[in-house]
Structure formats: C-alpha cells, structure tokens
Amino acid sequence: MKIPFLTAFAAMLLCACGPDLKGYEGLKTPKISDKPSQKMLIMEVHGDPANQTKEVGKLFQVYFKLQFKGKSMSAPRARWPKPFDTPRNEWVGYWALPVGDEITSLPADTPANMRLQTWNYGKVAEILHIGPYSSEMPDIEKLHEFISNSGYVISAAHEEEYVVGPGMFGPGNTEKYYTIIRYEVKPR
C-alpha cells in the first residue's frame, strides 16, 4: 500500500515543480531559428485578455477530452493580430494548445469558437520575457530591433507562449512568469 501512495505522491510533486526553466535561459537574448509546423486546438476570444480566463478555461476542457499518443501538455500559446495600441476591449486573441497530428475531429460539444488548425512557422525570432505581462514592451522592442538588424521583417502576428503564468505550478508570482515572445520572420 505504501509504494503506490509514494509513487502517486512523487508524480504529484514532479508535476507541481513545472517545466525545467533552465532550458529557456538561451532565449534571454533574441534568436532566429527554424520552427516546425504544429497542429493546434485553437479558440478565438474577443476583448481584454485580462478578462479571458473563464473563456480560455474551456480550451483546456476540450483539450483534456482529446485522446492522443504521448499526451503531455505543452505550454499554452496565443496570437495577437491587432496592433498594441488597439483598445484592449477590441483585442482578438487566438489561444492555442498543441495537439497530436492524429487528432482529426473535436468532441460534439466543442464551442463554436474552437477548431483544429495547423500553425505553420518556418523561420521565427524569439525572446524570453521574465516577469509580468505589463513589462513585456522592452523585450518586444529588443526583439523587433534584433529582427531588423538581422535583415528580416515580421511576417505574421505577435505570438506568446506562456511557459509559466497565472496559477501554473504555484500561486502565480508575476515576477516569475516566463513568456516566450515570438514572430514569424522572412528576409527583408
């Protein structure tokens, strides 16, 4: 009886620790790399991102209904196609979770604003932002400058990957959020 309990406790402890953040340290400085396409479960949400928590929760509900091989959760992502100076109540977010290529359909009770879609990448420029979302702008500007100085231009919407965020792996200390800021790029 002790062994199953200890195994379950160890698994819970391992999950509670979250991702190995050392693997992201190399993105503290901007990088350009090749990123393969990924199939995503996406959800379109309108309005201020600060008020989207309940809606985005539905994305996770559908995700956990899907059955696919090697089901391990990747960090959620979002694409923000509108300019940052757009009033926040007019923002559009495309929230996404990577799924296996074998997923070809969604449960019958899936909300209408959710679908499967392949996000094609190719060349991407990325930087790691550590801290609250409200302090991202200097890292975004640094990434934009790096893209331009490297002979590239941005070719798709602003994307963020939320490696550590609110309520993930603990109480959600905003100073410890890890967000990968990403843009698809092409040569100038």
N, C-alpha and C. Protein backbone atom coordinates (compact mmCIF):
# COMPACT_ATOMS: atom_id res chain seq x y z
N MET A 1 0.83 -1.20 0.00
CA MET A 1 0.00 0.00 0.00
C MET A 1 0.87 1.26 0.00
N LYS A 2 2.05 1.20 0.67
CA LYS A 2 2.90 2.38 0.73
C LYS A 2 3.49 2.74 -0.63
N ILE A 3 3.87 1.75 -1.43
CA ILE A 3 4.53 2.03 -2.71
C ILE A 3 3.62 2.80 -3.66
N PRO A 4 2.35 2.39 -3.90
CA PRO A 4 1.50 3.18 -4.78
C PRO A 4 1.31 4.61 -4.25
N PHE A 5 1.16 4.76 -2.95
CA PHE A 5 0.99 6.10 -2.39
C PHE A 5 2.24 6.94 -2.63
N LEU A 6 3.42 6.37 -2.39
CA LEU A 6 4.67 7.11 -2.60
C LEU A 6 4.86 7.44 -4.07
N THR A 7 4.51 6.51 -4.95
CA THR A 7 4.62 6.76 -6.39
C THR A 7 3.69 7.90 -6.79
N ALA A 8 2.46 7.87 -6.32
CA ALA A 8 1.49 8.93 -6.64
C ALA A 8 1.97 10.26 -6.08
N PHE A 9 2.48 10.26 -4.85
CA PHE A 9 2.97 11.49 -4.23
C PHE A 9 4.16 12.04 -5.02
N ALA A 10 5.08 11.18 -5.44
CA ALA A 10 6.24 11.62 -6.22
C ALA A 10 5.80 12.20 -7.57
N ALA A 11 4.82 11.58 -8.22
CA ALA A 11 4.31 12.08 -9.50
C ALA A 11 3.67 13.45 -9.32
N MET A 12 2.89 13.62 -8.25
CA MET A 12 2.27 14.92 -7.99
C MET A 12 3.33 15.97 -7.71
N LEU A 13 4.35 15.62 -6.96
CA LEU A 13 5.42 16.55 -6.65
C LEU A 13 6.17 16.96 -7.92
N LEU A 14 6.45 15.99 -8.79
CA LEU A 14 7.14 16.27 -10.04
C LEU A 14 6.30 17.21 -10.91
N CYS A 15 5.01 16.96 -11.02
CA CYS A 15 4.13 17.82 -11.82
C CYS A 15 4.05 19.22 -11.23
N ALA A 16 4.04 19.32 -9.92
CA ALA A 16 3.91 20.62 -9.26
C ALA A 16 5.14 21.49 -9.47
N CYS A 17 6.27 20.86 -9.76
CA CYS A 17 7.50 21.63 -9.95
C CYS A 17 7.50 22.39 -11.27
N GLY A 18 6.72 21.95 -12.24
CA GLY A 18 6.63 22.65 -13.50
C GLY A 18 7.76 22.30 -14.44
N PRO A 19 7.86 23.07 -15.53
CA PRO A 19 8.87 22.77 -16.55
C PRO A 19 10.28 23.10 -16.06
N ASP A 20 11.26 22.49 -16.70
CA ASP A 20 12.66 22.81 -16.41
C ASP A 20 12.98 24.13 -17.08
N LEU A 21 13.03 25.19 -16.30
CA LEU A 21 13.19 26.53 -16.84
C LEU A 21 14.60 26.81 -17.34
N LYS A 22 15.56 25.99 -16.95
CA LYS A 22 16.93 26.18 -17.44
C LYS A 22 17.00 26.05 -18.95
N GLY A 23 16.12 25.26 -19.54
CA GLY A 23 16.10 25.06 -20.97
C GLY A 23 15.71 26.31 -21.76
N TYR A 24 15.18 27.30 -21.07
CA TYR A 24 14.75 28.53 -21.72
C TYR A 24 15.74 29.67 -21.57
N GLU A 25 16.77 29.48 -20.77
CA GLU A 25 17.72 30.55 -20.49
C GLU A 25 18.39 31.10 -21.75
N GLY A 26 18.59 30.25 -22.76
CA GLY A 26 19.23 30.68 -24.00
C GLY A 26 18.42 31.71 -24.77
N LEU A 27 17.14 31.83 -24.45
CA LEU A 27 16.29 32.80 -25.13
C LEU A 27 16.26 34.16 -24.44
N LYS A 28 17.09 34.34 -23.41
CA LYS A 28 17.15 35.67 -22.79
C LYS A 28 17.67 36.71 -23.76
N THR A 29 18.45 36.24 -24.74
CA THR A 29 18.85 37.11 -25.86
C THR A 29 18.10 36.62 -27.09
N PRO A 30 17.73 37.54 -27.98
CA PRO A 30 16.92 37.13 -29.14
C PRO A 30 17.64 36.11 -30.02
N LYS A 31 16.85 35.25 -30.61
CA LYS A 31 17.37 34.20 -31.50
C LYS A 31 16.45 34.08 -32.72
N ILE A 32 17.05 33.70 -33.85
CA ILE A 32 16.28 33.32 -35.03
C ILE A 32 16.56 31.85 -35.28
N SER A 33 15.50 31.08 -35.46
CA SER A 33 15.64 29.65 -35.68
C SER A 33 14.51 29.15 -36.57
N ASP A 34 14.60 27.89 -36.93
CA ASP A 34 13.53 27.24 -37.70
C ASP A 34 12.62 26.51 -36.73
N LYS A 35 11.33 26.66 -36.91
CA LYS A 35 10.35 26.00 -36.05
C LYS A 35 9.39 25.23 -36.94
N PRO A 36 9.19 23.94 -36.66
CA PRO A 36 8.28 23.15 -37.49
C PRO A 36 6.81 23.54 -37.26
N SER A 37 5.98 23.23 -38.24
CA SER A 37 4.54 23.44 -38.12
C SER A 37 4.00 22.60 -36.97
N GLN A 38 2.91 23.06 -36.37
CA GLN A 38 2.27 22.30 -35.29
C GLN A 38 0.77 22.37 -35.41
N LYS A 39 0.13 21.23 -35.20
CA LYS A 39 -1.32 21.19 -35.15
C LYS A 39 -1.76 21.72 -33.81
N MET A 40 -2.77 22.58 -33.82
CA MET A 40 -3.24 23.24 -32.60
C MET A 40 -4.74 23.11 -32.44
N LEU A 41 -5.14 23.05 -31.20
CA LEU A 41 -6.52 23.28 -30.83
C LEU A 41 -6.58 24.77 -30.52
N ILE A 42 -7.35 25.53 -31.31
CA ILE A 42 -7.37 26.97 -31.09
C ILE A 42 -8.77 27.47 -30.76
N MET A 43 -8.77 28.61 -30.10
CA MET A 43 -10.01 29.25 -29.68
C MET A 43 -9.89 30.74 -29.91
N GLU A 44 -10.83 31.32 -30.60
CA GLU A 44 -10.85 32.76 -30.83
C GLU A 44 -11.63 33.44 -29.71
N VAL A 45 -10.99 34.43 -29.08
CA VAL A 45 -11.61 35.14 -27.97
C VAL A 45 -11.45 36.65 -28.21
N HIS A 46 -12.51 37.40 -27.96
CA HIS A 46 -12.50 38.84 -28.16
C HIS A 46 -12.54 39.56 -26.81
N GLY A 47 -11.86 40.71 -26.76
CA GLY A 47 -11.89 41.55 -25.56
C GLY A 47 -10.57 41.60 -24.83
N ASP A 48 -10.59 42.24 -23.70
CA ASP A 48 -9.40 42.43 -22.87
C ASP A 48 -8.86 41.08 -22.41
N PRO A 49 -7.58 40.79 -22.69
CA PRO A 49 -7.01 39.50 -22.26
C PRO A 49 -7.12 39.25 -20.76
N ALA A 50 -7.14 40.31 -19.97
CA ALA A 50 -7.25 40.16 -18.52
C ALA A 50 -8.59 39.56 -18.11
N ASN A 51 -9.58 39.62 -19.01
CA ASN A 51 -10.92 39.11 -18.70
C ASN A 51 -11.25 37.82 -19.44
N GLN A 52 -10.24 37.12 -19.96
CA GLN A 52 -10.49 35.94 -20.79
C GLN A 52 -10.27 34.62 -20.07
N THR A 53 -9.95 34.65 -18.78
CA THR A 53 -9.61 33.44 -18.05
C THR A 53 -10.69 32.37 -18.14
N LYS A 54 -11.93 32.74 -17.89
CA LYS A 54 -13.02 31.76 -17.89
C LYS A 54 -13.21 31.16 -19.28
N GLU A 55 -13.13 32.02 -20.30
CA GLU A 55 -13.29 31.56 -21.67
C GLU A 55 -12.16 30.62 -22.06
N VAL A 56 -10.93 30.98 -21.72
CA VAL A 56 -9.77 30.15 -22.06
C VAL A 56 -9.83 28.82 -21.32
N GLY A 57 -10.44 28.79 -20.15
CA GLY A 57 -10.61 27.54 -19.41
C GLY A 57 -11.34 26.49 -20.24
N LYS A 58 -12.24 26.93 -21.13
CA LYS A 58 -12.97 26.00 -21.99
C LYS A 58 -12.02 25.30 -22.97
N LEU A 59 -10.96 26.00 -23.38
CA LEU A 59 -9.96 25.40 -24.27
C LEU A 59 -9.33 24.19 -23.59
N PHE A 60 -8.97 24.35 -22.32
CA PHE A 60 -8.37 23.25 -21.57
C PHE A 60 -9.36 22.11 -21.38
N GLN A 61 -10.65 22.42 -21.17
CA GLN A 61 -11.65 21.37 -21.01
C GLN A 61 -11.74 20.49 -22.25
N VAL A 62 -11.76 21.11 -23.42
CA VAL A 62 -11.82 20.33 -24.67
C VAL A 62 -10.52 19.57 -24.87
N TYR A 63 -9.40 20.23 -24.61
CA TYR A 63 -8.08 19.59 -24.76
C TYR A 63 -8.02 18.27 -23.98
N PHE A 64 -8.50 18.27 -22.74
CA PHE A 64 -8.41 17.07 -21.91
C PHE A 64 -9.40 15.98 -22.33
N LYS A 65 -10.35 16.31 -23.19
CA LYS A 65 -11.25 15.30 -23.73
C LYS A 65 -10.62 14.55 -24.90
N LEU A 66 -9.62 15.18 -25.53
CA LEU A 66 -8.97 14.57 -26.69
C LEU A 66 -8.09 13.42 -26.24
N GLN A 67 -8.04 12.39 -27.04
CA GLN A 67 -7.19 11.24 -26.75
C GLN A 67 -6.12 11.16 -27.83
N PHE A 68 -4.86 11.33 -27.47
CA PHE A 68 -3.79 11.17 -28.44
C PHE A 68 -2.55 10.64 -27.75
N LYS A 69 -1.66 10.07 -28.58
CA LYS A 69 -0.45 9.42 -28.06
C LYS A 69 0.46 10.43 -27.37
N GLY A 70 1.12 9.97 -26.32
CA GLY A 70 2.09 10.82 -25.64
C GLY A 70 1.48 12.09 -25.10
N LYS A 71 0.27 11.98 -24.61
CA LYS A 71 -0.46 13.16 -24.16
C LYS A 71 0.27 13.83 -23.00
N SER A 72 1.06 14.81 -23.34
CA SER A 72 1.68 15.64 -22.30
C SER A 72 1.42 17.07 -22.69
N MET A 73 1.05 17.85 -21.73
CA MET A 73 0.63 19.22 -22.04
C MET A 73 1.82 20.10 -22.36
N SER A 74 1.71 20.82 -23.45
CA SER A 74 2.67 21.86 -23.79
C SER A 74 2.12 23.17 -23.27
N ALA A 75 2.98 24.16 -23.19
CA ALA A 75 2.55 25.47 -22.71
C ALA A 75 1.51 26.06 -23.67
N PRO A 76 0.51 26.74 -23.12
CA PRO A 76 -0.47 27.40 -23.98
C PRO A 76 0.18 28.56 -24.73
N ARG A 77 -0.41 28.88 -25.86
CA ARG A 77 0.09 29.98 -26.70
C ARG A 77 -1.08 30.88 -27.07
N ALA A 78 -0.75 32.06 -27.50
CA ALA A 78 -1.77 32.97 -28.02
C ALA A 78 -1.16 33.84 -29.10
N ARG A 79 -1.96 34.09 -30.13
CA ARG A 79 -1.56 35.03 -31.17
C ARG A 79 -2.46 36.26 -31.05
N TRP A 80 -1.82 37.40 -31.19
CA TRP A 80 -2.49 38.69 -31.03
C TRP A 80 -2.32 39.48 -32.33
N PRO A 81 -3.28 39.41 -33.26
CA PRO A 81 -3.11 40.03 -34.57
C PRO A 81 -3.27 41.55 -34.62
N LYS A 82 -3.93 42.14 -33.66
CA LYS A 82 -4.16 43.59 -33.71
C LYS A 82 -2.99 44.35 -33.10
N PRO A 83 -2.76 45.59 -33.58
CA PRO A 83 -1.67 46.40 -33.02
C PRO A 83 -1.87 46.65 -31.52
N PHE A 84 -0.75 46.83 -30.80
CA PHE A 84 -0.81 47.01 -29.35
C PHE A 84 -1.56 48.27 -28.93
N ASP A 85 -1.66 49.26 -29.83
CA ASP A 85 -2.36 50.49 -29.45
C ASP A 85 -3.88 50.38 -29.64
N THR A 86 -4.36 49.20 -30.07
CA THR A 86 -5.80 48.95 -30.16
C THR A 86 -6.36 48.93 -28.74
N PRO A 87 -7.52 49.57 -28.51
CA PRO A 87 -8.11 49.48 -27.17
C PRO A 87 -8.28 48.02 -26.76
N ARG A 88 -7.92 47.71 -25.53
CA ARG A 88 -7.89 46.31 -25.07
C ARG A 88 -9.25 45.61 -25.21
N ASN A 89 -10.34 46.35 -25.10
CA ASN A 89 -11.65 45.71 -25.23
C ASN A 89 -11.94 45.31 -26.68
N GLU A 90 -11.08 45.73 -27.64
CA GLU A 90 -11.23 45.37 -29.05
C GLU A 90 -10.20 44.33 -29.50
N TRP A 91 -9.39 43.82 -28.57
CA TRP A 91 -8.37 42.83 -28.93
C TRP A 91 -9.02 41.51 -29.35
N VAL A 92 -8.30 40.78 -30.19
CA VAL A 92 -8.69 39.43 -30.59
C VAL A 92 -7.51 38.53 -30.24
N GLY A 93 -7.78 37.47 -29.53
CA GLY A 93 -6.75 36.51 -29.17
C GLY A 93 -7.08 35.15 -29.76
N TYR A 94 -6.07 34.49 -30.31
CA TYR A 94 -6.21 33.12 -30.78
C TYR A 94 -5.41 32.26 -29.82
N TRP A 95 -6.09 31.74 -28.80
CA TRP A 95 -5.46 30.90 -27.78
C TRP A 95 -5.31 29.49 -28.34
N ALA A 96 -4.20 28.83 -28.01
CA ALA A 96 -3.95 27.52 -28.62
C ALA A 96 -3.19 26.58 -27.69
N LEU A 97 -3.43 25.31 -27.90
CA LEU A 97 -2.67 24.24 -27.25
C LEU A 97 -2.26 23.24 -28.33
N PRO A 98 -0.98 22.88 -28.41
CA PRO A 98 -0.56 21.89 -29.40
C PRO A 98 -1.21 20.54 -29.14
N VAL A 99 -1.62 19.88 -30.23
CA VAL A 99 -2.20 18.53 -30.15
C VAL A 99 -1.46 17.64 -31.15
N GLY A 100 -1.65 16.35 -31.02
CA GLY A 100 -1.02 15.40 -31.93
C GLY A 100 -1.63 15.46 -33.31
N ASP A 101 -0.84 15.13 -34.31
CA ASP A 101 -1.31 15.14 -35.70
C ASP A 101 -2.45 14.16 -35.94
N GLU A 102 -2.55 13.14 -35.09
CA GLU A 102 -3.61 12.14 -35.29
C GLU A 102 -5.00 12.66 -34.90
N ILE A 103 -5.07 13.80 -34.24
CA ILE A 103 -6.38 14.37 -33.89
C ILE A 103 -6.98 14.98 -35.15
N THR A 104 -8.14 14.47 -35.57
CA THR A 104 -8.77 14.95 -36.80
C THR A 104 -10.16 15.53 -36.57
N SER A 105 -10.69 15.36 -35.36
CA SER A 105 -12.02 15.90 -35.08
C SER A 105 -12.09 16.27 -33.60
N LEU A 106 -13.09 17.06 -33.28
CA LEU A 106 -13.30 17.53 -31.91
C LEU A 106 -14.60 16.95 -31.37
N PRO A 107 -14.73 16.88 -30.04
CA PRO A 107 -15.97 16.37 -29.45
C PRO A 107 -17.18 17.18 -29.93
N ALA A 108 -18.33 16.54 -29.95
CA ALA A 108 -19.56 17.18 -30.45
C ALA A 108 -19.93 18.43 -29.66
N ASP A 109 -19.58 18.48 -28.38
CA ASP A 109 -19.97 19.62 -27.55
C ASP A 109 -18.92 20.75 -27.53
N THR A 110 -18.00 20.74 -28.50
CA THR A 110 -16.97 21.77 -28.58
C THR A 110 -17.60 23.12 -28.93
N PRO A 111 -17.24 24.18 -28.21
CA PRO A 111 -17.78 25.51 -28.53
C PRO A 111 -17.49 25.92 -29.97
N ALA A 112 -18.36 26.73 -30.55
CA ALA A 112 -18.26 27.14 -31.96
C ALA A 112 -17.00 27.95 -32.25
N ASN A 113 -16.43 28.61 -31.25
CA ASN A 113 -15.24 29.44 -31.48
C ASN A 113 -13.93 28.65 -31.34
N MET A 114 -14.03 27.32 -31.37
CA MET A 114 -12.86 26.45 -31.23
C MET A 114 -12.74 25.56 -32.46
N ARG A 115 -11.48 25.32 -32.89
CA ARG A 115 -11.26 24.47 -34.06
C ARG A 115 -9.83 23.93 -34.04
N LEU A 116 -9.58 22.98 -34.93
CA LEU A 116 -8.22 22.49 -35.16
C LEU A 116 -7.62 23.29 -36.31
N GLN A 117 -6.35 23.61 -36.18
CA GLN A 117 -5.67 24.36 -37.23
C GLN A 117 -4.17 24.09 -37.12
N THR A 118 -3.51 24.02 -38.25
CA THR A 118 -2.05 23.87 -38.24
C THR A 118 -1.43 25.25 -38.28
N TRP A 119 -0.56 25.52 -37.32
CA TRP A 119 0.20 26.77 -37.32
C TRP A 119 1.52 26.48 -38.01
N ASN A 120 1.69 27.09 -39.18
CA ASN A 120 2.92 26.96 -39.94
C ASN A 120 3.90 28.00 -39.44
N TYR A 121 5.11 27.59 -39.23
CA TYR A 121 6.11 28.51 -38.70
C TYR A 121 7.21 28.79 -39.71
N GLY A 122 8.19 27.95 -39.82
CA GLY A 122 9.37 28.26 -40.62
C GLY A 122 10.35 29.06 -39.77
N LYS A 123 10.88 30.15 -40.31
CA LYS A 123 11.82 31.00 -39.56
C LYS A 123 11.03 31.79 -38.52
N VAL A 124 11.55 31.76 -37.28
CA VAL A 124 10.95 32.55 -36.20
C VAL A 124 12.04 33.29 -35.44
N ALA A 125 11.65 34.43 -34.89
CA ALA A 125 12.51 35.17 -33.98
C ALA A 125 11.83 35.11 -32.61
N GLU A 126 12.62 34.81 -31.57
CA GLU A 126 12.06 34.62 -30.23
C GLU A 126 12.94 35.29 -29.19
N ILE A 127 12.29 35.65 -28.09
CA ILE A 127 13.00 36.14 -26.90
C ILE A 127 12.20 35.70 -25.69
N LEU A 128 12.88 35.46 -24.59
CA LEU A 128 12.22 35.09 -23.33
C LEU A 128 12.02 36.35 -22.51
N HIS A 129 10.78 36.54 -22.08
CA HIS A 129 10.47 37.63 -21.14
C HIS A 129 10.21 36.99 -19.78
N ILE A 130 10.89 37.49 -18.76
CA ILE A 130 10.65 37.02 -17.39
C ILE A 130 10.04 38.18 -16.63
N GLY A 131 8.86 37.95 -16.07
CA GLY A 131 8.18 38.99 -15.31
C GLY A 131 6.75 39.17 -15.75
N PRO A 132 6.09 40.20 -15.22
CA PRO A 132 4.67 40.42 -15.54
C PRO A 132 4.47 40.79 -17.01
N TYR A 133 3.30 40.49 -17.52
CA TYR A 133 2.97 40.80 -18.90
C TYR A 133 3.05 42.31 -19.15
N SER A 134 2.73 43.09 -18.14
CA SER A 134 2.73 44.55 -18.29
C SER A 134 4.12 45.12 -18.53
N SER A 135 5.17 44.32 -18.31
CA SER A 135 6.54 44.82 -18.51
C SER A 135 7.21 44.20 -19.73
N GLU A 136 6.42 43.64 -20.66
CA GLU A 136 6.97 42.98 -21.84
C GLU A 136 7.56 43.93 -22.89
N MET A 137 7.07 45.17 -22.94
CA MET A 137 7.39 46.06 -24.06
C MET A 137 8.89 46.22 -24.32
N PRO A 138 9.76 46.39 -23.32
CA PRO A 138 11.19 46.50 -23.64
C PRO A 138 11.74 45.25 -24.35
N ASP A 139 11.27 44.06 -23.97
CA ASP A 139 11.73 42.84 -24.65
C ASP A 139 11.15 42.75 -26.06
N ILE A 140 9.92 43.20 -26.24
CA ILE A 140 9.32 43.22 -27.59
C ILE A 140 10.11 44.17 -28.49
N GLU A 141 10.43 45.35 -27.97
CA GLU A 141 11.21 46.31 -28.75
C GLU A 141 12.60 45.77 -29.06
N LYS A 142 13.21 45.10 -28.09
CA LYS A 142 14.53 44.49 -28.30
C LYS A 142 14.46 43.43 -29.41
N LEU A 143 13.40 42.64 -29.42
CA LEU A 143 13.22 41.61 -30.44
C LEU A 143 12.99 42.25 -31.81
N HIS A 144 12.17 43.30 -31.87
CA HIS A 144 11.92 44.00 -33.13
C HIS A 144 13.22 44.54 -33.71
N GLU A 145 14.04 45.16 -32.87
CA GLU A 145 15.32 45.71 -33.30
C GLU A 145 16.25 44.59 -33.81
N PHE A 146 16.27 43.48 -33.07
CA PHE A 146 17.10 42.34 -33.48
C PHE A 146 16.65 41.81 -34.84
N ILE A 147 15.35 41.71 -35.06
CA ILE A 147 14.83 41.21 -36.34
C ILE A 147 15.29 42.13 -37.47
N SER A 148 15.12 43.41 -37.29
CA SER A 148 15.52 44.38 -38.32
C SER A 148 17.03 44.34 -38.57
N ASN A 149 17.82 44.34 -37.49
CA ASN A 149 19.28 44.33 -37.62
C ASN A 149 19.81 43.03 -38.23
N SER A 150 19.00 41.97 -38.17
CA SER A 150 19.41 40.67 -38.72
C SER A 150 18.98 40.51 -40.18
N GLY A 151 18.35 41.55 -40.75
CA GLY A 151 17.95 41.51 -42.14
C GLY A 151 16.60 40.84 -42.39
N TYR A 152 15.76 40.80 -41.39
CA TYR A 152 14.44 40.18 -41.51
C TYR A 152 13.34 41.19 -41.26
N VAL A 153 12.12 40.81 -41.63
CA VAL A 153 10.92 41.57 -41.30
C VAL A 153 9.91 40.60 -40.69
N ILE A 154 9.04 41.13 -39.87
CA ILE A 154 7.97 40.33 -39.25
C ILE A 154 6.95 39.98 -40.33
N SER A 155 6.56 38.70 -40.38
CA SER A 155 5.64 38.26 -41.43
C SER A 155 4.33 37.68 -40.89
N ALA A 156 4.12 37.73 -39.58
CA ALA A 156 2.87 37.20 -39.01
C ALA A 156 2.61 37.87 -37.66
N ALA A 157 1.50 37.52 -37.07
CA ALA A 157 1.05 38.14 -35.82
C ALA A 157 1.99 37.88 -34.65
N HIS A 158 1.94 38.78 -33.67
CA HIS A 158 2.64 38.64 -32.40
C HIS A 158 2.14 37.36 -31.73
N GLU A 159 3.06 36.53 -31.26
CA GLU A 159 2.69 35.29 -30.58
C GLU A 159 3.40 35.20 -29.25
N GLU A 160 2.73 34.64 -28.27
CA GLU A 160 3.32 34.42 -26.95
C GLU A 160 3.08 32.98 -26.54
N GLU A 161 4.09 32.39 -25.91
CA GLU A 161 3.98 31.05 -25.34
C GLU A 161 4.17 31.21 -23.84
N TYR A 162 3.16 30.79 -23.07
CA TYR A 162 3.12 31.03 -21.64
C TYR A 162 3.70 29.84 -20.88
N VAL A 163 5.01 29.82 -20.74
CA VAL A 163 5.71 28.71 -20.10
C VAL A 163 5.33 28.64 -18.63
N VAL A 164 5.35 29.77 -17.95
CA VAL A 164 4.88 29.87 -16.57
C VAL A 164 4.04 31.14 -16.50
N GLY A 165 2.82 30.99 -16.01
CA GLY A 165 1.91 32.13 -15.92
C GLY A 165 0.98 31.98 -14.75
N PRO A 166 -0.10 32.74 -14.73
CA PRO A 166 -1.01 32.74 -13.58
C PRO A 166 -1.54 31.36 -13.22
N GLY A 167 -1.34 30.98 -11.99
CA GLY A 167 -1.88 29.73 -11.48
C GLY A 167 -1.18 28.49 -11.98
N MET A 168 -0.11 28.66 -12.78
CA MET A 168 0.60 27.49 -13.30
C MET A 168 1.74 27.15 -12.34
N PHE A 169 1.73 25.95 -11.81
CA PHE A 169 2.82 25.46 -10.98
C PHE A 169 3.04 26.32 -9.73
N GLY A 170 1.99 26.80 -9.13
CA GLY A 170 2.13 27.59 -7.92
C GLY A 170 1.17 28.75 -7.90
N PRO A 171 1.36 29.64 -6.93
CA PRO A 171 0.41 30.73 -6.73
C PRO A 171 0.43 31.80 -7.82
N GLY A 172 1.43 31.82 -8.67
CA GLY A 172 1.42 32.77 -9.76
C GLY A 172 2.11 34.09 -9.45
N ASN A 173 3.34 34.05 -8.97
CA ASN A 173 4.12 35.26 -8.72
C ASN A 173 4.47 35.88 -10.07
N THR A 174 3.94 37.05 -10.38
CA THR A 174 4.12 37.67 -11.69
C THR A 174 5.59 37.93 -12.02
N GLU A 175 6.43 38.09 -11.03
CA GLU A 175 7.86 38.32 -11.28
C GLU A 175 8.54 37.06 -11.81
N LYS A 176 7.88 35.91 -11.68
CA LYS A 176 8.46 34.65 -12.13
C LYS A 176 7.77 34.08 -13.37
N TYR A 177 6.92 34.88 -14.02
CA TYR A 177 6.31 34.42 -15.27
C TYR A 177 7.39 34.28 -16.33
N TYR A 178 7.30 33.23 -17.13
CA TYR A 178 8.19 33.01 -18.27
C TYR A 178 7.31 33.02 -19.52
N THR A 179 7.56 33.98 -20.39
CA THR A 179 6.79 34.11 -21.63
C THR A 179 7.75 34.18 -22.80
N ILE A 180 7.58 33.29 -23.77
CA ILE A 180 8.36 33.38 -24.99
C ILE A 180 7.58 34.28 -25.95
N ILE A 181 8.22 35.33 -26.40
CA ILE A 181 7.62 36.23 -27.38
C ILE A 181 8.18 35.81 -28.73
N ARG A 182 7.29 35.63 -29.70
CA ARG A 182 7.69 35.02 -30.97
C ARG A 182 7.04 35.74 -32.15
N TYR A 183 7.82 35.84 -33.24
CA TYR A 183 7.31 36.34 -34.51
C TYR A 183 7.83 35.44 -35.63
N GLU A 184 6.97 35.13 -36.58
CA GLU A 184 7.43 34.53 -37.81
C GLU A 184 8.13 35.64 -38.58
N VAL A 185 9.25 35.31 -39.23
CA VAL A 185 10.01 36.33 -39.96
C VAL A 185 10.37 35.82 -41.35
N LYS A 186 10.69 36.78 -42.23
CA LYS A 186 11.18 36.45 -43.57
C LYS A 186 12.27 37.45 -43.92
N PRO A 187 13.19 37.08 -44.83
CA PRO A 187 14.25 38.01 -45.20
C PRO A 187 13.68 39.31 -45.77
N ARG A 188 14.34 40.41 -45.47
CA ARG A 188 13.92 41.71 -45.96
C ARG A 188 14.07 41.76 -47.47
